[in-house]
Amino acid sequence: MLRGKKNCHKKDIICGDYSHNLGLIATGSRDHSVRIWDYERVKYEEEITAHTSEVVIVKFIKPFPLLLTADSSGQLYVWLTKPHAKAKSCLVSWRNMFTL
């Protein structure tokens, strides 16, 4: 089955991840935002706008309701997701100060 959705972000989506056990998709964009979607209904659930540059990594930390996000400036966050009661809360954040 193919699924599609238009106009999901204001700019290009450059990363994404799927959590089978949570039934969620996360997308990261050049518009500095992360959006979380319900897979079955292809329905927008919530948006995270803490990043100040384009989001380059979104990764669910399975099997927990956790999502790791990172942007091109080196800022990383770990977020609670649904079905946790405090979904969209940031657990920890840090900046990677090292470069190659």
N, C-alpha and C. Protein backbone atom coordinates (compact mmCIF):
# COMPACT_ATOMS: atom_id res chain seq x y z
N MET A 1 0.84 -1.16 0.00
CA MET A 1 0.00 0.00 0.00
C MET A 1 0.89 1.24 0.00
N LEU A 2 0.64 2.16 -0.89
CA LEU A 2 1.37 3.41 -0.94
C LEU A 2 0.61 4.49 -0.18
N ARG A 3 1.36 5.32 0.50
CA ARG A 3 0.76 6.44 1.23
C ARG A 3 1.50 7.70 0.83
N GLY A 4 0.81 8.79 0.86
CA GLY A 4 1.43 10.05 0.53
C GLY A 4 0.71 11.19 1.20
N LYS A 5 1.44 12.26 1.41
CA LYS A 5 0.86 13.46 2.03
C LYS A 5 1.63 14.65 1.48
N LYS A 6 0.93 15.67 1.07
CA LYS A 6 1.56 16.86 0.53
C LYS A 6 1.57 17.97 1.57
N ASN A 7 2.48 18.91 1.40
CA ASN A 7 2.59 20.09 2.25
C ASN A 7 2.77 19.74 3.73
N CYS A 8 3.65 18.80 4.00
CA CYS A 8 3.89 18.36 5.38
C CYS A 8 4.75 19.34 6.17
N HIS A 9 5.68 20.00 5.50
CA HIS A 9 6.56 21.00 6.10
C HIS A 9 6.61 22.21 5.18
N LYS A 10 7.09 23.33 5.68
CA LYS A 10 7.20 24.54 4.87
C LYS A 10 8.36 24.45 3.88
N LYS A 11 9.39 23.64 4.24
CA LYS A 11 10.54 23.43 3.36
C LYS A 11 10.75 21.92 3.21
N ASP A 12 11.83 21.53 2.52
CA ASP A 12 12.11 20.12 2.23
C ASP A 12 12.27 19.28 3.49
N ILE A 13 11.74 18.05 3.44
CA ILE A 13 12.00 17.05 4.48
C ILE A 13 13.33 16.40 4.13
N ILE A 14 14.27 16.37 5.09
CA ILE A 14 15.57 15.79 4.79
C ILE A 14 15.91 14.57 5.65
N CYS A 15 15.04 14.22 6.60
CA CYS A 15 15.27 13.00 7.37
C CYS A 15 13.94 12.50 7.94
N GLY A 16 13.92 11.23 8.30
CA GLY A 16 12.71 10.65 8.86
C GLY A 16 12.99 9.31 9.51
N ASP A 17 12.07 8.87 10.33
CA ASP A 17 12.17 7.56 10.97
C ASP A 17 10.76 7.07 11.29
N TYR A 18 10.65 5.75 11.41
CA TYR A 18 9.38 5.10 11.70
C TYR A 18 9.55 4.20 12.92
N SER A 19 8.60 4.26 13.85
CA SER A 19 8.58 3.37 15.00
C SER A 19 7.39 2.42 14.86
N HIS A 20 7.69 1.17 14.57
CA HIS A 20 6.63 0.17 14.40
C HIS A 20 5.82 -0.02 15.67
N ASN A 21 6.51 -0.13 16.81
CA ASN A 21 5.78 -0.39 18.06
C ASN A 21 4.94 0.79 18.53
N LEU A 22 5.30 2.02 18.16
CA LEU A 22 4.51 3.19 18.53
C LEU A 22 3.52 3.60 17.44
N GLY A 23 3.74 3.10 16.21
CA GLY A 23 2.87 3.48 15.10
C GLY A 23 3.05 4.94 14.70
N LEU A 24 4.28 5.47 14.85
CA LEU A 24 4.56 6.87 14.58
C LEU A 24 5.64 7.04 13.52
N ILE A 25 5.55 8.12 12.78
CA ILE A 25 6.57 8.56 11.85
C ILE A 25 7.04 9.93 12.32
N ALA A 26 8.36 10.16 12.29
CA ALA A 26 8.91 11.48 12.60
C ALA A 26 9.62 12.00 11.35
N THR A 27 9.43 13.28 11.04
CA THR A 27 10.10 13.89 9.90
C THR A 27 10.82 15.15 10.36
N GLY A 28 12.02 15.36 9.82
CA GLY A 28 12.81 16.55 10.11
C GLY A 28 13.00 17.34 8.84
N SER A 29 13.04 18.66 8.96
CA SER A 29 12.99 19.51 7.77
C SER A 29 13.99 20.65 7.80
N ARG A 30 14.19 21.23 6.61
CA ARG A 30 15.01 22.44 6.48
C ARG A 30 14.33 23.64 7.14
N ASP A 31 13.05 23.52 7.50
CA ASP A 31 12.35 24.62 8.16
C ASP A 31 12.57 24.63 9.68
N HIS A 32 13.54 23.81 10.16
CA HIS A 32 13.96 23.76 11.57
C HIS A 32 12.95 23.05 12.46
N SER A 33 12.02 22.31 11.90
CA SER A 33 10.99 21.67 12.72
C SER A 33 11.01 20.15 12.57
N VAL A 34 10.46 19.51 13.60
CA VAL A 34 10.24 18.06 13.60
C VAL A 34 8.73 17.87 13.72
N ARG A 35 8.18 17.03 12.87
CA ARG A 35 6.75 16.72 12.97
C ARG A 35 6.58 15.24 13.19
N ILE A 36 5.59 14.91 14.03
CA ILE A 36 5.29 13.53 14.36
C ILE A 36 3.91 13.21 13.80
N TRP A 37 3.82 12.04 13.15
CA TRP A 37 2.62 11.63 12.42
C TRP A 37 2.16 10.27 12.89
N ASP A 38 0.85 10.07 12.94
CA ASP A 38 0.26 8.75 13.16
C ASP A 38 0.33 8.00 11.84
N TYR A 39 0.98 6.84 11.84
CA TYR A 39 1.21 6.09 10.61
C TYR A 39 -0.09 5.58 9.99
N GLU A 40 -0.95 4.97 10.78
CA GLU A 40 -2.17 4.34 10.26
C GLU A 40 -3.10 5.34 9.57
N ARG A 41 -3.26 6.51 10.18
CA ARG A 41 -4.19 7.51 9.64
C ARG A 41 -3.49 8.59 8.82
N VAL A 42 -2.14 8.53 8.74
CA VAL A 42 -1.34 9.57 8.09
C VAL A 42 -1.81 10.94 8.59
N LYS A 43 -1.89 11.02 9.92
CA LYS A 43 -2.44 12.22 10.56
C LYS A 43 -1.34 12.91 11.36
N TYR A 44 -1.25 14.22 11.18
CA TYR A 44 -0.31 15.05 11.93
C TYR A 44 -0.68 15.03 13.41
N GLU A 45 0.29 14.72 14.26
CA GLU A 45 0.05 14.65 15.70
C GLU A 45 0.60 15.87 16.45
N GLU A 46 1.91 16.17 16.24
CA GLU A 46 2.51 17.27 16.97
C GLU A 46 3.76 17.78 16.26
N GLU A 47 4.20 18.97 16.66
CA GLU A 47 5.38 19.59 16.07
C GLU A 47 6.33 20.02 17.17
N ILE A 48 7.62 19.83 16.91
CA ILE A 48 8.67 20.27 17.83
C ILE A 48 9.46 21.36 17.10
N THR A 49 9.57 22.53 17.71
CA THR A 49 10.22 23.66 17.04
C THR A 49 11.39 24.22 17.84
N ALA A 50 12.11 23.39 18.57
CA ALA A 50 13.21 23.85 19.42
C ALA A 50 14.49 24.13 18.63
N HIS A 51 14.62 23.55 17.45
CA HIS A 51 15.87 23.69 16.69
C HIS A 51 15.98 25.07 16.04
N THR A 52 17.24 25.54 15.90
CA THR A 52 17.49 26.84 15.29
C THR A 52 18.15 26.71 13.91
N SER A 53 18.38 25.49 13.46
CA SER A 53 18.86 25.26 12.10
C SER A 53 18.22 23.98 11.58
N GLU A 54 18.51 23.62 10.32
CA GLU A 54 17.81 22.49 9.71
C GLU A 54 18.05 21.19 10.46
N VAL A 55 16.98 20.43 10.62
CA VAL A 55 17.02 19.16 11.35
C VAL A 55 17.59 18.10 10.42
N VAL A 56 18.67 17.44 10.85
CA VAL A 56 19.34 16.47 10.01
C VAL A 56 19.18 15.02 10.49
N ILE A 57 18.74 14.83 11.73
CA ILE A 57 18.54 13.48 12.27
C ILE A 57 17.26 13.45 13.10
N VAL A 58 16.40 12.46 12.83
CA VAL A 58 15.31 12.08 13.73
C VAL A 58 15.39 10.57 13.86
N LYS A 59 15.44 10.07 15.09
CA LYS A 59 15.60 8.64 15.30
C LYS A 59 14.85 8.22 16.56
N PHE A 60 13.91 7.28 16.40
CA PHE A 60 13.22 6.73 17.56
C PHE A 60 14.18 5.82 18.30
N ILE A 61 14.15 5.88 19.63
CA ILE A 61 14.98 5.02 20.47
C ILE A 61 14.08 3.89 20.93
N LYS A 62 14.12 2.81 20.18
CA LYS A 62 13.20 1.68 20.36
C LYS A 62 13.64 0.82 21.53
N PRO A 63 12.75 0.25 22.30
CA PRO A 63 11.30 0.23 22.19
C PRO A 63 10.62 1.31 23.03
N PHE A 64 11.36 2.31 23.44
CA PHE A 64 10.84 3.34 24.33
C PHE A 64 10.12 4.45 23.57
N PRO A 65 9.25 5.21 24.23
CA PRO A 65 8.60 6.34 23.58
C PRO A 65 9.52 7.56 23.58
N LEU A 66 10.70 7.40 22.94
CA LEU A 66 11.72 8.45 22.91
C LEU A 66 12.11 8.76 21.48
N LEU A 67 12.43 10.02 21.21
CA LEU A 67 12.86 10.45 19.89
C LEU A 67 14.09 11.32 20.03
N LEU A 68 15.17 10.95 19.33
CA LEU A 68 16.39 11.75 19.27
C LEU A 68 16.31 12.64 18.05
N THR A 69 16.61 13.94 18.21
CA THR A 69 16.66 14.85 17.08
C THR A 69 17.97 15.64 17.15
N ALA A 70 18.50 15.99 15.97
CA ALA A 70 19.73 16.78 15.91
C ALA A 70 19.65 17.72 14.72
N ASP A 71 20.31 18.88 14.85
CA ASP A 71 20.31 19.83 13.74
C ASP A 71 21.73 20.06 13.23
N SER A 72 21.85 20.83 12.16
CA SER A 72 23.14 21.02 11.51
C SER A 72 24.12 21.86 12.32
N SER A 73 23.66 22.52 13.38
CA SER A 73 24.56 23.28 14.25
C SER A 73 25.17 22.41 15.34
N GLY A 74 24.72 21.15 15.46
CA GLY A 74 25.25 20.24 16.46
C GLY A 74 24.40 20.13 17.72
N GLN A 75 23.23 20.74 17.74
CA GLN A 75 22.34 20.66 18.90
C GLN A 75 21.55 19.35 18.84
N LEU A 76 21.56 18.59 19.94
CA LEU A 76 20.84 17.33 20.03
C LEU A 76 19.82 17.39 21.16
N TYR A 77 18.68 16.70 20.97
CA TYR A 77 17.63 16.62 21.97
C TYR A 77 17.11 15.19 22.04
N VAL A 78 16.63 14.80 23.21
CA VAL A 78 15.87 13.56 23.37
C VAL A 78 14.51 13.96 23.92
N TRP A 79 13.44 13.55 23.19
CA TRP A 79 12.06 13.94 23.50
C TRP A 79 11.24 12.73 23.91
N LEU A 80 10.26 12.94 24.80
CA LEU A 80 9.23 11.94 25.07
C LEU A 80 8.19 12.03 23.96
N THR A 81 7.65 10.89 23.53
CA THR A 81 6.61 10.87 22.52
C THR A 81 5.37 10.15 23.06
N LYS A 82 4.32 10.16 22.25
CA LYS A 82 3.12 9.40 22.62
C LYS A 82 3.48 7.93 22.67
N PRO A 83 2.92 7.16 23.52
CA PRO A 83 1.76 7.39 24.37
C PRO A 83 2.09 7.92 25.77
N HIS A 84 3.33 8.36 26.01
CA HIS A 84 3.69 8.87 27.33
C HIS A 84 2.84 10.10 27.65
N ALA A 85 2.47 10.23 28.92
CA ALA A 85 1.61 11.34 29.36
C ALA A 85 2.27 12.71 29.16
N LYS A 86 3.60 12.75 29.18
CA LYS A 86 4.31 14.02 29.01
C LYS A 86 4.95 14.11 27.63
N ALA A 87 4.26 13.61 26.62
CA ALA A 87 4.76 13.67 25.25
C ALA A 87 5.10 15.10 24.86
N LYS A 88 6.16 15.24 24.05
CA LYS A 88 6.69 16.51 23.57
C LYS A 88 7.53 17.23 24.62
N SER A 89 7.85 16.54 25.72
CA SER A 89 8.74 17.11 26.73
C SER A 89 10.17 16.71 26.40
N CYS A 90 11.07 17.66 26.57
CA CYS A 90 12.49 17.39 26.33
C CYS A 90 13.11 16.79 27.59
N LEU A 91 13.75 15.62 27.43
CA LEU A 91 14.41 14.98 28.57
C LEU A 91 15.82 15.51 28.77
N VAL A 92 16.54 15.68 27.66
CA VAL A 92 17.92 16.14 27.75
C VAL A 92 18.29 16.82 26.43
N SER A 93 19.17 17.80 26.51
CA SER A 93 19.70 18.43 25.30
C SER A 93 21.17 18.74 25.52
N TRP A 94 21.93 18.73 24.44
CA TRP A 94 23.34 19.08 24.51
C TRP A 94 23.82 19.50 23.12
N ARG A 95 24.97 20.18 23.10
CA ARG A 95 25.54 20.63 21.84
C ARG A 95 26.86 19.90 21.61
N ASN A 96 27.00 19.34 20.42
CA ASN A 96 28.25 18.71 20.01
C ASN A 96 29.21 19.81 19.61
N MET A 97 30.29 19.99 20.36
CA MET A 97 31.24 21.07 20.11
C MET A 97 32.44 20.59 19.29
N PHE A 98 32.46 19.30 18.94
CA PHE A 98 33.62 18.75 18.23
C PHE A 98 33.32 18.64 16.74
N THR A 99 34.34 18.84 15.91
CA THR A 99 34.19 18.69 14.47
C THR A 99 35.30 17.82 13.93
N LEU A 100 35.10 17.31 12.74
CA LEU A 100 36.14 16.54 12.08
C LEU A 100 37.09 17.50 11.43
